Amino acid sequence: MRDYQTVLTAAALRSLRSVPPRVAEPLVAFIFGSLADAPRRRGKPLQRELEGRWSARRGDYRIVYRLDEDTKTMCLLKIDHRADMYRPR
């Protein structure tokens, strides 16, 4: 059983669809597997203007998410290549 329920925002779903298929499969396995089991252990808290969000890495990709302790929900906000993750758009 997972510690956290995983919810993808529309932006995260679009990001995931843009990832090459050979990368997307391991990303999905990581997100719904070990990340959902222990998001605090697998990720790190972000700072400054991104405070309140967490980041986990899987290969060259980063996953940004927010945790809600009351509902035990992990809300995925963005999935992107590490070179593009924190660039303003």
N, C-alpha and C. Protein backbone atom coordinates (compact mmCIF):
# COMPACT_ATOMS: atom_id res chain seq x y z
N MET A 1 0.83 -1.19 0.00
CA MET A 1 0.00 0.00 0.00
C MET A 1 0.88 1.25 0.00
N ARG A 2 0.48 2.24 -0.75
CA ARG A 2 1.23 3.48 -0.88
C ARG A 2 0.95 4.39 0.32
N ASP A 3 1.98 5.14 0.71
CA ASP A 3 1.81 6.11 1.79
C ASP A 3 1.01 7.31 1.33
N TYR A 4 1.19 7.69 0.06
CA TYR A 4 0.54 8.88 -0.48
C TYR A 4 -0.24 8.53 -1.75
N GLN A 5 -1.40 9.16 -1.89
CA GLN A 5 -2.14 9.06 -3.14
C GLN A 5 -1.48 10.03 -4.12
N THR A 6 -1.30 9.63 -5.36
CA THR A 6 -0.63 10.45 -6.36
C THR A 6 -1.65 11.09 -7.29
N VAL A 7 -1.53 12.41 -7.44
CA VAL A 7 -2.41 13.18 -8.32
C VAL A 7 -1.53 13.96 -9.29
N LEU A 8 -1.85 13.90 -10.57
CA LEU A 8 -1.11 14.67 -11.58
C LEU A 8 -1.93 15.88 -12.00
N THR A 9 -1.30 17.04 -12.00
CA THR A 9 -1.95 18.22 -12.54
C THR A 9 -1.96 18.10 -14.06
N ALA A 10 -2.74 18.94 -14.71
CA ALA A 10 -2.78 18.94 -16.18
C ALA A 10 -1.40 19.26 -16.75
N ALA A 11 -0.69 20.18 -16.10
CA ALA A 11 0.66 20.54 -16.57
C ALA A 11 1.61 19.36 -16.44
N ALA A 12 1.54 18.61 -15.35
CA ALA A 12 2.40 17.45 -15.16
C ALA A 12 2.08 16.37 -16.19
N LEU A 13 0.81 16.19 -16.47
CA LEU A 13 0.41 15.20 -17.47
C LEU A 13 0.92 15.58 -18.86
N ARG A 14 0.82 16.86 -19.20
CA ARG A 14 1.37 17.34 -20.49
C ARG A 14 2.87 17.12 -20.52
N SER A 15 3.55 17.43 -19.42
CA SER A 15 5.01 17.23 -19.36
C SER A 15 5.37 15.77 -19.57
N LEU A 16 4.64 14.89 -18.92
CA LEU A 16 4.92 13.47 -19.02
C LEU A 16 4.69 12.96 -20.44
N ARG A 17 3.68 13.48 -21.11
CA ARG A 17 3.40 13.07 -22.49
C ARG A 17 4.48 13.54 -23.46
N SER A 18 5.21 14.58 -23.10
CA SER A 18 6.25 15.10 -23.99
C SER A 18 7.60 14.40 -23.79
N VAL A 19 7.70 13.56 -22.77
CA VAL A 19 8.93 12.82 -22.49
C VAL A 19 9.03 11.65 -23.47
N PRO A 20 10.23 11.37 -23.98
CA PRO A 20 10.39 10.22 -24.88
C PRO A 20 9.89 8.93 -24.22
N PRO A 21 9.24 8.05 -24.99
CA PRO A 21 8.65 6.83 -24.42
C PRO A 21 9.64 5.96 -23.64
N ARG A 22 10.88 5.88 -24.10
CA ARG A 22 11.85 5.03 -23.39
C ARG A 22 12.20 5.59 -22.02
N VAL A 23 11.96 6.88 -21.80
CA VAL A 23 12.20 7.52 -20.51
C VAL A 23 10.92 7.55 -19.68
N ALA A 24 9.79 7.67 -20.35
CA ALA A 24 8.50 7.81 -19.65
C ALA A 24 8.16 6.58 -18.82
N GLU A 25 8.42 5.41 -19.34
CA GLU A 25 8.05 4.18 -18.62
C GLU A 25 8.76 4.07 -17.27
N PRO A 26 10.09 4.24 -17.20
CA PRO A 26 10.74 4.20 -15.88
C PRO A 26 10.31 5.36 -14.97
N LEU A 27 10.01 6.52 -15.56
CA LEU A 27 9.53 7.65 -14.76
C LEU A 27 8.20 7.32 -14.09
N VAL A 28 7.28 6.76 -14.84
CA VAL A 28 5.97 6.40 -14.29
C VAL A 28 6.13 5.33 -13.20
N ALA A 29 6.99 4.36 -13.43
CA ALA A 29 7.24 3.32 -12.42
C ALA A 29 7.80 3.94 -11.15
N PHE A 30 8.70 4.89 -11.28
CA PHE A 30 9.29 5.57 -10.12
C PHE A 30 8.24 6.39 -9.38
N ILE A 31 7.44 7.17 -10.13
CA ILE A 31 6.43 8.05 -9.53
C ILE A 31 5.41 7.25 -8.72
N PHE A 32 4.87 6.20 -9.32
CA PHE A 32 3.82 5.43 -8.65
C PHE A 32 4.37 4.31 -7.78
N GLY A 33 5.69 4.15 -7.77
CA GLY A 33 6.34 3.14 -6.94
C GLY A 33 7.02 3.76 -5.74
N SER A 34 8.33 3.86 -5.81
CA SER A 34 9.10 4.29 -4.64
C SER A 34 8.84 5.74 -4.24
N LEU A 35 8.53 6.62 -5.18
CA LEU A 35 8.24 8.01 -4.81
C LEU A 35 6.94 8.09 -4.03
N ALA A 36 5.91 7.38 -4.47
CA ALA A 36 4.63 7.37 -3.75
C ALA A 36 4.76 6.70 -2.38
N ASP A 37 5.68 5.74 -2.28
CA ASP A 37 5.90 5.07 -0.99
C ASP A 37 6.56 5.98 0.03
N ALA A 38 7.51 6.79 -0.41
CA ALA A 38 8.28 7.62 0.53
C ALA A 38 8.73 8.91 -0.14
N PRO A 39 7.80 9.85 -0.38
CA PRO A 39 8.16 11.07 -1.10
C PRO A 39 9.14 11.97 -0.35
N ARG A 40 9.14 11.92 0.96
CA ARG A 40 10.10 12.74 1.73
C ARG A 40 11.50 12.14 1.68
N ARG A 41 11.59 10.84 1.60
CA ARG A 41 12.90 10.19 1.55
C ARG A 41 13.48 10.25 0.14
N ARG A 42 12.64 10.14 -0.88
CA ARG A 42 13.11 10.12 -2.27
C ARG A 42 13.36 11.51 -2.84
N GLY A 43 12.75 12.53 -2.23
CA GLY A 43 12.90 13.89 -2.75
C GLY A 43 13.58 14.80 -1.75
N LYS A 44 13.68 16.06 -2.14
CA LYS A 44 14.25 17.06 -1.24
C LYS A 44 13.37 18.31 -1.29
N PRO A 45 13.28 19.02 -0.18
CA PRO A 45 12.47 20.24 -0.18
C PRO A 45 13.17 21.35 -0.97
N LEU A 46 12.40 22.10 -1.72
CA LEU A 46 12.95 23.22 -2.48
C LEU A 46 12.93 24.48 -1.62
N GLN A 47 13.69 25.46 -2.02
CA GLN A 47 13.85 26.67 -1.21
C GLN A 47 13.45 27.91 -1.99
N ARG A 48 13.54 29.03 -1.29
CA ARG A 48 13.23 30.36 -1.83
C ARG A 48 11.82 30.43 -2.40
N GLU A 49 11.68 30.86 -3.65
CA GLU A 49 10.34 31.05 -4.21
C GLU A 49 9.62 29.72 -4.46
N LEU A 50 10.33 28.62 -4.39
CA LEU A 50 9.71 27.30 -4.58
C LEU A 50 9.45 26.58 -3.25
N GLU A 51 9.57 27.30 -2.16
CA GLU A 51 9.35 26.71 -0.84
C GLU A 51 7.95 26.10 -0.76
N GLY A 52 7.86 24.97 -0.11
CA GLY A 52 6.59 24.26 -0.02
C GLY A 52 6.46 23.17 -1.07
N ARG A 53 7.41 23.15 -1.99
CA ARG A 53 7.43 22.12 -3.03
C ARG A 53 8.63 21.21 -2.81
N TRP A 54 8.56 20.06 -3.40
CA TRP A 54 9.63 19.07 -3.30
C TRP A 54 10.09 18.70 -4.70
N SER A 55 11.33 18.19 -4.79
CA SER A 55 11.87 17.76 -6.07
C SER A 55 12.51 16.39 -5.91
N ALA A 56 12.24 15.51 -6.86
CA ALA A 56 12.87 14.20 -6.90
C ALA A 56 13.51 14.05 -8.28
N ARG A 57 14.60 13.31 -8.33
CA ARG A 57 15.25 13.12 -9.62
C ARG A 57 15.21 11.65 -10.02
N ARG A 58 15.08 11.47 -11.29
CA ARG A 58 15.12 10.14 -11.88
C ARG A 58 15.90 10.27 -13.17
N GLY A 59 17.15 9.84 -13.16
CA GLY A 59 18.02 10.03 -14.31
C GLY A 59 18.23 11.50 -14.57
N ASP A 60 18.00 11.94 -15.79
CA ASP A 60 18.17 13.35 -16.15
C ASP A 60 16.89 14.16 -15.97
N TYR A 61 15.87 13.56 -15.40
CA TYR A 61 14.58 14.24 -15.24
C TYR A 61 14.31 14.59 -13.79
N ARG A 62 13.57 15.67 -13.60
CA ARG A 62 13.18 16.13 -12.28
C ARG A 62 11.66 16.13 -12.19
N ILE A 63 11.18 15.80 -11.01
CA ILE A 63 9.75 15.78 -10.73
C ILE A 63 9.51 16.74 -9.58
N VAL A 64 8.69 17.75 -9.80
CA VAL A 64 8.36 18.71 -8.74
C VAL A 64 6.95 18.41 -8.26
N TYR A 65 6.81 18.34 -6.93
CA TYR A 65 5.52 17.97 -6.36
C TYR A 65 5.28 18.69 -5.04
N ARG A 66 4.03 18.67 -4.63
CA ARG A 66 3.62 19.26 -3.36
C ARG A 66 2.97 18.16 -2.53
N LEU A 67 3.25 18.16 -1.23
CA LEU A 67 2.67 17.15 -0.33
C LEU A 67 1.60 17.78 0.54
N ASP A 68 0.49 17.07 0.69
CA ASP A 68 -0.57 17.49 1.60
C ASP A 68 -0.65 16.42 2.68
N GLU A 69 -0.18 16.76 3.87
CA GLU A 69 -0.12 15.79 4.97
C GLU A 69 -1.51 15.42 5.48
N ASP A 70 -2.45 16.35 5.42
CA ASP A 70 -3.80 16.07 5.93
C ASP A 70 -4.49 14.96 5.13
N THR A 71 -4.37 15.03 3.82
CA THR A 71 -5.03 14.04 2.96
C THR A 71 -4.07 12.97 2.45
N LYS A 72 -2.80 13.06 2.83
CA LYS A 72 -1.77 12.13 2.35
C LYS A 72 -1.77 12.06 0.82
N THR A 73 -1.73 13.25 0.21
CA THR A 73 -1.74 13.36 -1.24
C THR A 73 -0.44 13.96 -1.74
N MET A 74 0.12 13.38 -2.78
CA MET A 74 1.29 13.93 -3.46
C MET A 74 0.80 14.45 -4.81
N CYS A 75 0.85 15.76 -5.00
CA CYS A 75 0.36 16.39 -6.22
C CYS A 75 1.55 16.73 -7.11
N LEU A 76 1.66 16.05 -8.25
CA LEU A 76 2.75 16.31 -9.18
C LEU A 76 2.45 17.57 -9.97
N LEU A 77 3.40 18.50 -9.95
CA LEU A 77 3.22 19.79 -10.59
C LEU A 77 3.91 19.88 -11.94
N LYS A 78 5.11 19.28 -12.04
CA LYS A 78 5.89 19.43 -13.26
C LYS A 78 6.89 18.28 -13.38
N ILE A 79 7.11 17.82 -14.59
CA ILE A 79 8.11 16.80 -14.90
C ILE A 79 8.87 17.32 -16.10
N ASP A 80 10.19 17.45 -15.95
CA ASP A 80 10.96 18.03 -17.06
C ASP A 80 12.42 17.59 -16.97
N HIS A 81 13.14 17.77 -18.06
CA HIS A 81 14.57 17.51 -18.09
C HIS A 81 15.27 18.47 -17.14
N ARG A 82 16.31 18.02 -16.50
CA ARG A 82 16.98 18.84 -15.48
C ARG A 82 17.50 20.16 -16.03
N ALA A 83 17.88 20.20 -17.31
CA ALA A 83 18.39 21.44 -17.90
C ALA A 83 17.29 22.49 -18.07
N ASP A 84 16.06 22.04 -18.16
CA ASP A 84 14.94 22.96 -18.41
C ASP A 84 14.03 23.17 -17.20
N MET A 85 14.22 22.42 -16.16
CA MET A 85 13.25 22.40 -15.05
C MET A 85 13.01 23.75 -14.40
N TYR A 86 14.04 24.45 -14.05
CA TYR A 86 13.86 25.66 -13.25
C TYR A 86 13.94 26.94 -14.06
N ARG A 87 13.95 26.81 -15.38
CA ARG A 87 13.96 28.00 -16.24
C ARG A 87 12.57 28.61 -16.30
N PRO A 88 12.49 29.93 -16.22
CA PRO A 88 11.16 30.56 -16.37
C PRO A 88 10.70 30.43 -17.82
N ARG A 89 9.40 30.30 -17.99
CA ARG A 89 8.86 30.17 -19.36
C ARG A 89 8.06 31.36 -19.72
